[in-house]
Amino acid sequence: MKKYILLRKIVRIFHLYGISLLGNRKHVNLYHDLKMEQLFVMGLIFELELACQKDMQDAHAFAVQTPIQIIEKLI
């Protein structure tokens, strides 16, 4: 049940950034397909870290390319 609540928080934050996680959309590249700048991706990761109350190492934060990679690192 705890993971379900955490996933709901994550999905809500992605929706705030206009990113849908339905179907194959969770595998799109944030930089190339959605044309997000690194600053916005880092802001997204920061908000997700606050909601999940977990820290992601900087090396991992700079390496992620897709929403599913971010979710896997936080759960």
PDB file of N, CA and C in Angstrom:
ATOM      1  N   MET A   1       0.820  -1.200   0.000  1.00  0.00           N
ATOM      2  CA  MET A   1       0.000   0.000   0.000  1.00  0.00           C
ATOM      3  C   MET A   1       0.860   1.259   0.000  1.00  0.00           C
ATOM      4  N   LYS A   2       2.004   1.171   0.670  1.00  0.00           N
ATOM      5  CA  LYS A   2       2.879   2.329   0.750  1.00  0.00           C
ATOM      6  C   LYS A   2       3.442   2.692  -0.630  1.00  0.00           C
ATOM      7  N   LYS A   3       3.792   1.677  -1.432  1.00  0.00           N
ATOM      8  CA  LYS A   3       4.302   1.945  -2.778  1.00  0.00           C
ATOM      9  C   LYS A   3       3.218   2.554  -3.665  1.00  0.00           C
ATOM     10  N   TYR A   4       1.983   2.130  -3.473  1.00  0.00           N
ATOM     11  CA  TYR A   4       0.877   2.674  -4.258  1.00  0.00           C
ATOM     12  C   TYR A   4       0.711   4.163  -3.988  1.00  0.00           C
ATOM     13  N   ILE A   5       0.774   4.560  -2.747  1.00  0.00           N
ATOM     14  CA  ILE A   5       0.657   5.976  -2.380  1.00  0.00           C
ATOM     15  C   ILE A   5       1.823   6.756  -2.970  1.00  0.00           C
ATOM     16  N   LEU A   6       3.011   6.176  -2.909  1.00  0.00           N
ATOM     17  CA  LEU A   6       4.197   6.822  -3.464  1.00  0.00           C
ATOM     18  C   LEU A   6       4.064   6.993  -4.979  1.00  0.00           C
ATOM     19  N   LEU A   7       3.571   5.972  -5.659  1.00  0.00           N
ATOM     20  CA  LEU A   7       3.373   6.066  -7.108  1.00  0.00           C
ATOM     21  C   LEU A   7       2.337   7.124  -7.472  1.00  0.00           C
ATOM     22  N   ARG A   8       1.293   7.254  -6.682  1.00  0.00           N
ATOM     23  CA  ARG A   8       0.286   8.293  -6.939  1.00  0.00           C
ATOM     24  C   ARG A   8       0.902   9.678  -6.828  1.00  0.00           C
ATOM     25  N   LYS A   9       1.765   9.895  -5.841  1.00  0.00           N
ATOM     26  CA  LYS A   9       2.442  11.182  -5.695  1.00  0.00           C
ATOM     27  C   LYS A   9       3.337  11.461  -6.904  1.00  0.00           C
ATOM     28  N   ILE A  10       4.066  10.437  -7.343  1.00  0.00           N
ATOM     29  CA  ILE A  10       4.972  10.590  -8.484  1.00  0.00           C
ATOM     30  C   ILE A  10       4.187  10.936  -9.746  1.00  0.00           C
ATOM     31  N   VAL A  11       3.104  10.227 -10.003  1.00  0.00           N
ATOM     32  CA  VAL A  11       2.288  10.473 -11.192  1.00  0.00           C
ATOM     33  C   VAL A  11       1.722  11.886 -11.168  1.00  0.00           C
ATOM     34  N   ARG A  12       1.290  12.342  -9.997  1.00  0.00           N
ATOM     35  CA  ARG A  12       0.742  13.689  -9.877  1.00  0.00           C
ATOM     36  C   ARG A  12       1.783  14.751 -10.234  1.00  0.00           C
ATOM     37  N   ILE A  13       3.011  14.562  -9.801  1.00  0.00           N
ATOM     38  CA  ILE A  13       4.067  15.534 -10.094  1.00  0.00           C
ATOM     39  C   ILE A  13       4.418  15.519 -11.582  1.00  0.00           C
ATOM     40  N   PHE A  14       4.474  14.337 -12.180  1.00  0.00           N
ATOM     41  CA  PHE A  14       4.728  14.276 -13.622  1.00  0.00           C
ATOM     42  C   PHE A  14       3.622  14.994 -14.386  1.00  0.00           C
ATOM     43  N   HIS A  15       2.384  14.852 -13.940  1.00  0.00           N
ATOM     44  CA  HIS A  15       1.272  15.536 -14.610  1.00  0.00           C
ATOM     45  C   HIS A  15       1.376  17.050 -14.451  1.00  0.00           C
ATOM     46  N   LEU A  16       1.909  17.519 -13.318  1.00  0.00           N
ATOM     47  CA  LEU A  16       2.124  18.953 -13.151  1.00  0.00           C
ATOM     48  C   LEU A  16       3.099  19.496 -14.197  1.00  0.00           C
ATOM     49  N   TYR A  17       4.049  18.673 -14.598  1.00  0.00           N
ATOM     50  CA  TYR A  17       5.014  19.057 -15.624  1.00  0.00           C
ATOM     51  C   TYR A  17       4.505  18.755 -17.027  1.00  0.00           C
ATOM     52  N   GLY A  18       3.298  18.241 -17.139  1.00  0.00           N
ATOM     53  CA  GLY A  18       2.711  17.961 -18.445  1.00  0.00           C
ATOM     54  C   GLY A  18       3.196  16.670 -19.079  1.00  0.00           C
ATOM     55  N   ILE A  19       3.677  15.747 -18.255  1.00  0.00           N
ATOM     56  CA  ILE A  19       4.207  14.481 -18.750  1.00  0.00           C
ATOM     57  C   ILE A  19       3.232  13.364 -18.391  1.00  0.00           C
ATOM     58  N   SER A  20       2.697  12.717 -19.411  1.00  0.00           N
ATOM     59  CA  SER A  20       1.786  11.592 -19.207  1.00  0.00           C
ATOM     60  C   SER A  20       2.600  10.313 -19.093  1.00  0.00           C
ATOM     61  N   LEU A  21       2.191   9.435 -18.194  1.00  0.00           N
ATOM     62  CA  LEU A  21       2.904   8.175 -17.998  1.00  0.00           C
ATOM     63  C   LEU A  21       2.117   6.986 -18.508  1.00  0.00           C
ATOM     64  N   LEU A  22       1.115   7.229 -19.330  1.00  0.00           N
ATOM     65  CA  LEU A  22       0.287   6.146 -19.857  1.00  0.00           C
ATOM     66  C   LEU A  22       0.959   5.469 -21.042  1.00  0.00           C
ATOM     67  N   GLY A  23       0.845   4.161 -21.128  1.00  0.00           N
ATOM     68  CA  GLY A  23       1.375   3.407 -22.259  1.00  0.00           C
ATOM     69  C   GLY A  23       2.878   3.549 -22.389  1.00  0.00           C
ATOM     70  N   ASN A  24       3.335   3.764 -23.599  1.00  0.00           N
ATOM     71  CA  ASN A  24       4.773   3.881 -23.870  1.00  0.00           C
ATOM     72  C   ASN A  24       5.321   5.264 -23.565  1.00  0.00           C
ATOM     73  N   ARG A  25       4.474   6.184 -23.136  1.00  0.00           N
ATOM     74  CA  ARG A  25       4.928   7.547 -22.833  1.00  0.00           C
ATOM     75  C   ARG A  25       5.917   7.572 -21.670  1.00  0.00           C
ATOM     76  N   LYS A  26       5.905   6.551 -20.833  1.00  0.00           N
ATOM     77  CA  LYS A  26       6.846   6.523 -19.712  1.00  0.00           C
ATOM     78  C   LYS A  26       8.265   6.204 -20.165  1.00  0.00           C
ATOM     79  N   HIS A  27       8.424   5.818 -21.447  1.00  0.00           N
ATOM     80  CA  HIS A  27       9.738   5.491 -21.993  1.00  0.00           C
ATOM     81  C   HIS A  27      10.285   6.576 -22.920  1.00  0.00           C
ATOM     82  N   VAL A  28       9.588   7.712 -23.050  1.00  0.00           N
ATOM     83  CA  VAL A  28      10.071   8.772 -23.939  1.00  0.00           C
ATOM     84  C   VAL A  28      11.277   9.466 -23.320  1.00  0.00           C
ATOM     85  N   ASN A  29      12.152   9.947 -24.162  1.00  0.00           N
ATOM     86  CA  ASN A  29      13.331  10.653 -23.704  1.00  0.00           C
ATOM     87  C   ASN A  29      12.932  12.081 -23.338  1.00  0.00           C
ATOM     88  N   LEU A  30      13.267  12.482 -22.118  1.00  0.00           N
ATOM     89  CA  LEU A  30      12.886  13.814 -21.646  1.00  0.00           C
ATOM     90  C   LEU A  30      13.577  14.917 -22.437  1.00  0.00           C
ATOM     91  N   TYR A  31      14.792  14.677 -22.863  1.00  0.00           N
ATOM     92  CA  TYR A  31      15.573  15.707 -23.543  1.00  0.00           C
ATOM     93  C   TYR A  31      15.262  15.784 -25.042  1.00  0.00           C
ATOM     94  N   HIS A  32      15.177  14.635 -25.694  1.00  0.00           N
ATOM     95  CA  HIS A  32      15.014  14.633 -27.149  1.00  0.00           C
ATOM     96  C   HIS A  32      13.549  14.644 -27.584  1.00  0.00           C
ATOM     97  N   ASP A  33      12.739  13.777 -26.982  1.00  0.00           N
ATOM     98  CA  ASP A  33      11.337  13.673 -27.404  1.00  0.00           C
ATOM     99  C   ASP A  33      10.472  14.797 -26.848  1.00  0.00           C
ATOM    100  N   LEU A  34      10.679  15.133 -25.573  1.00  0.00           N
ATOM    101  CA  LEU A  34       9.875  16.185 -24.942  1.00  0.00           C
ATOM    102  C   LEU A  34      10.552  17.545 -24.972  1.00  0.00           C
ATOM    103  N   LYS A  35      11.797  17.573 -25.433  1.00  0.00           N
ATOM    104  CA  LYS A  35      12.561  18.816 -25.593  1.00  0.00           C
ATOM    105  C   LYS A  35      12.644  19.632 -24.295  1.00  0.00           C
ATOM    106  N   MET A  36      12.871  18.927 -23.188  1.00  0.00           N
ATOM    107  CA  MET A  36      13.040  19.600 -21.904  1.00  0.00           C
ATOM    108  C   MET A  36      14.511  19.957 -21.716  1.00  0.00           C
ATOM    109  N   GLU A  37      14.741  21.082 -21.092  1.00  0.00           N
ATOM    110  CA  GLU A  37      16.108  21.472 -20.765  1.00  0.00           C
ATOM    111  C   GLU A  37      16.510  20.800 -19.460  1.00  0.00           C
ATOM    112  N   GLN A  38      17.808  20.689 -19.259  1.00  0.00           N
ATOM    113  CA  GLN A  38      18.316  19.998 -18.079  1.00  0.00           C
ATOM    114  C   GLN A  38      17.847  20.671 -16.787  1.00  0.00           C
ATOM    115  N   LEU A  39      17.708  21.969 -16.794  1.00  0.00           N
ATOM    116  CA  LEU A  39      17.248  22.695 -15.613  1.00  0.00           C
ATOM    117  C   LEU A  39      15.850  22.230 -15.192  1.00  0.00           C
ATOM    118  N   PHE A  40      14.959  22.036 -16.155  1.00  0.00           N
ATOM    119  CA  PHE A  40      13.606  21.598 -15.841  1.00  0.00           C
ATOM    120  C   PHE A  40      13.582  20.146 -15.384  1.00  0.00           C
ATOM    121  N   VAL A  41      14.441  19.312 -15.959  1.00  0.00           N
ATOM    122  CA  VAL A  41      14.518  17.915 -15.534  1.00  0.00           C
ATOM    123  C   VAL A  41      15.033  17.847 -14.096  1.00  0.00           C
ATOM    124  N   MET A  42      16.014  18.656 -13.760  1.00  0.00           N
ATOM    125  CA  MET A  42      16.534  18.682 -12.393  1.00  0.00           C
ATOM    126  C   MET A  42      15.469  19.198 -11.420  1.00  0.00           C
ATOM    127  N   GLY A  43      14.673  20.174 -11.848  1.00  0.00           N
ATOM    128  CA  GLY A  43      13.569  20.652 -11.016  1.00  0.00           C
ATOM    129  C   GLY A  43      12.529  19.575 -10.786  1.00  0.00           C
ATOM    130  N   LEU A  44      12.228  18.807 -11.815  1.00  0.00           N
ATOM    131  CA  LEU A  44      11.297  17.689 -11.704  1.00  0.00           C
ATOM    132  C   LEU A  44      11.824  16.657 -10.718  1.00  0.00           C
ATOM    133  N   ILE A  45      13.101  16.306 -10.848  1.00  0.00           N
ATOM    134  CA  ILE A  45      13.705  15.328  -9.946  1.00  0.00           C
ATOM    135  C   ILE A  45      13.702  15.848  -8.512  1.00  0.00           C
ATOM    136  N   PHE A  46      13.978  17.128  -8.324  1.00  0.00           N
ATOM    137  CA  PHE A  46      13.970  17.721  -6.988  1.00  0.00           C
ATOM    138  C   PHE A  46      12.580  17.621  -6.355  1.00  0.00           C
ATOM    139  N   GLU A  47      11.548  17.948  -7.114  1.00  0.00           N
ATOM    140  CA  GLU A  47      10.185  17.853  -6.581  1.00  0.00           C
ATOM    141  C   GLU A  47       9.813  16.407  -6.255  1.00  0.00           C
ATOM    142  N   LEU A  48      10.250  15.479  -7.098  1.00  0.00           N
ATOM    143  CA  LEU A  48       9.980  14.067  -6.838  1.00  0.00           C
ATOM    144  C   LEU A  48      10.705  13.586  -5.588  1.00  0.00           C
ATOM    145  N   GLU A  49      11.932  14.057  -5.394  1.00  0.00           N
ATOM    146  CA  GLU A  49      12.682  13.699  -4.183  1.00  0.00           C
ATOM    147  C   GLU A  49      11.973  14.214  -2.935  1.00  0.00           C
ATOM    148  N   LEU A  50      11.462  15.428  -2.998  1.00  0.00           N
ATOM    149  CA  LEU A  50      10.738  15.977  -1.849  1.00  0.00           C
ATOM    150  C   LEU A  50       9.475  15.185  -1.552  1.00  0.00           C
ATOM    151  N   ALA A  51       8.736  14.828  -2.577  1.00  0.00           N
ATOM    152  CA  ALA A  51       7.493  14.091  -2.389  1.00  0.00           C
ATOM    153  C   ALA A  51       7.751  12.683  -1.852  1.00  0.00           C
ATOM    154  N   CYS A  52       8.819  12.063  -2.323  1.00  0.00           N
ATOM    155  CA  CYS A  52       9.134  10.687  -1.913  1.00  0.00           C
ATOM    156  C   CYS A  52       9.974  10.638  -0.642  1.00  0.00           C
ATOM    157  N   GLN A  53      10.513  11.769  -0.246  1.00  0.00           N
ATOM    158  CA  GLN A  53      11.404  11.876   0.909  1.00  0.00           C
ATOM    159  C   GLN A  53      12.607  10.951   0.759  1.00  0.00           C
ATOM    160  N   LYS A  54      13.155  10.930  -0.456  1.00  0.00           N
ATOM    161  CA  LYS A  54      14.356  10.150  -0.758  1.00  0.00           C
ATOM    162  C   LYS A  54      15.311  11.020  -1.551  1.00  0.00           C
ATOM    163  N   ASP A  55      16.595  10.722  -1.429  1.00  0.00           N
ATOM    164  CA  ASP A  55      17.616  11.443  -2.185  1.00  0.00           C
ATOM    165  C   ASP A  55      18.131  10.582  -3.317  1.00  0.00           C
ATOM    166  N   MET A  56      18.319  11.215  -4.464  1.00  0.00           N
ATOM    167  CA  MET A  56      18.932  10.547  -5.609  1.00  0.00           C
ATOM    168  C   MET A  56      20.332  11.134  -5.755  1.00  0.00           C
ATOM    169  N   GLN A  57      21.308  10.290  -5.932  1.00  0.00           N
ATOM    170  CA  GLN A  57      22.673  10.772  -6.105  1.00  0.00           C
ATOM    171  C   GLN A  57      22.748  11.644  -7.352  1.00  0.00           C
ATOM    172  N   ASP A  58      23.625  12.635  -7.310  1.00  0.00           N
ATOM    173  CA  ASP A  58      23.762  13.555  -8.432  1.00  0.00           C
ATOM    174  C   ASP A  58      24.130  12.841  -9.729  1.00  0.00           C
ATOM    175  N   ALA A  59      24.981  11.839  -9.628  1.00  0.00           N
ATOM    176  CA  ALA A  59      25.384  11.105 -10.833  1.00  0.00           C
ATOM    177  C   ALA A  59      24.180  10.424 -11.478  1.00  0.00           C
ATOM    178  N   HIS A  60      23.285   9.883 -10.658  1.00  0.00           N
ATOM    179  CA  HIS A  60      22.079   9.247 -11.187  1.00  0.00           C
ATOM    180  C   HIS A  60      21.123  10.282 -11.760  1.00  0.00           C
ATOM    181  N   ALA A  61      21.024  11.427 -11.092  1.00  0.00           N
ATOM    182  CA  ALA A  61      20.108  12.472 -11.551  1.00  0.00           C
ATOM    183  C   ALA A  61      20.519  13.009 -12.924  1.00  0.00           C
ATOM    184  N   PHE A  62      21.813  13.132 -13.159  1.00  0.00           N
ATOM    185  CA  PHE A  62      22.280  13.619 -14.451  1.00  0.00           C
ATOM    186  C   PHE A  62      22.213  12.547 -15.532  1.00  0.00           C
ATOM    187  N   ALA A  63      22.177  11.280 -15.133  1.00  0.00           N
ATOM    188  CA  ALA A  63      22.212  10.182 -16.100  1.00  0.00           C
ATOM    189  C   ALA A  63      20.831   9.776 -16.612  1.00  0.00           C
ATOM    190  N   VAL A  64      19.773  10.053 -15.852  1.00  0.00           N
ATOM    191  CA  VAL A  64      18.453   9.584 -16.271  1.00  0.00           C
ATOM    192  C   VAL A  64      17.990  10.306 -17.531  1.00  0.00           C
ATOM    193  N   GLN A  65      17.292   9.561 -18.378  1.00  0.00           N
ATOM    194  CA  GLN A  65      16.803  10.103 -19.644  1.00  0.00           C
ATOM    195  C   GLN A  65      15.289   9.976 -19.784  1.00  0.00           C
ATOM    196  N   THR A  66      14.687   9.023 -19.079  1.00  0.00           N
ATOM    197  CA  THR A  66      13.259   8.740 -19.244  1.00  0.00           C
ATOM    198  C   THR A  66      12.547   8.778 -17.895  1.00  0.00           C
ATOM    199  N   PRO A  67      11.239   9.020 -17.906  1.00  0.00           N
ATOM    200  CA  PRO A  67      10.489   9.018 -16.642  1.00  0.00           C
ATOM    201  C   PRO A  67      10.582   7.695 -15.888  1.00  0.00           C
ATOM    202  N   ILE A  68      10.588   6.580 -16.598  1.00  0.00           N
ATOM    203  CA  ILE A  68      10.633   5.281 -15.922  1.00  0.00           C
ATOM    204  C   ILE A  68      11.959   5.092 -15.186  1.00  0.00           C
ATOM    205  N   GLN A  69      13.046   5.653 -15.706  1.00  0.00           N
ATOM    206  CA  GLN A  69      14.331   5.569 -15.016  1.00  0.00           C
ATOM    207  C   GLN A  69      14.289   6.346 -13.704  1.00  0.00           C
ATOM    208  N   ILE A  70      13.639   7.498 -13.714  1.00  0.00           N
ATOM    209  CA  ILE A  70      13.509   8.293 -12.494  1.00  0.00           C
ATOM    210  C   ILE A  70      12.686   7.527 -11.459  1.00  0.00           C
ATOM    211  N   ILE A  71      11.580   6.956 -11.895  1.00  0.00           N
ATOM    212  CA  ILE A  71      10.705   6.218 -10.981  1.00  0.00           C
ATOM    213  C   ILE A  71      11.438   5.024 -10.378  1.00  0.00           C
ATOM    214  N   GLU A  72      12.202   4.298 -11.190  1.00  0.00           N
ATOM    215  CA  GLU A  72      12.947   3.140 -10.687  1.00  0.00           C
ATOM    216  C   GLU A  72      13.970   3.544  -9.644  1.00  0.00           C
ATOM    217  N   LYS A  73      14.598   4.689  -9.817  1.00  0.00           N
ATOM    218  CA  LYS A  73      15.605   5.143  -8.856  1.00  0.00           C
ATOM    219  C   LYS A  73      14.967   5.568  -7.528  1.00  0.00           C
ATOM    220  N   LEU A  74      13.739   6.071  -7.572  1.00  0.00           N
ATOM    221  CA  LEU A  74      13.099   6.582  -6.362  1.00  0.00           C
ATOM    222  C   LEU A  74      12.324   5.520  -5.575  1.00  0.00           C
ATOM    223  N   ILE A  75      11.976   4.430  -6.235  1.00  0.00           N
ATOM    224  CA  ILE A  75      11.189   3.397  -5.529  1.00  0.00           C
ATOM    225  C   ILE A  75      12.064   2.256  -5.073  1.00  0.00           C
TER     226      ILE A  75
END
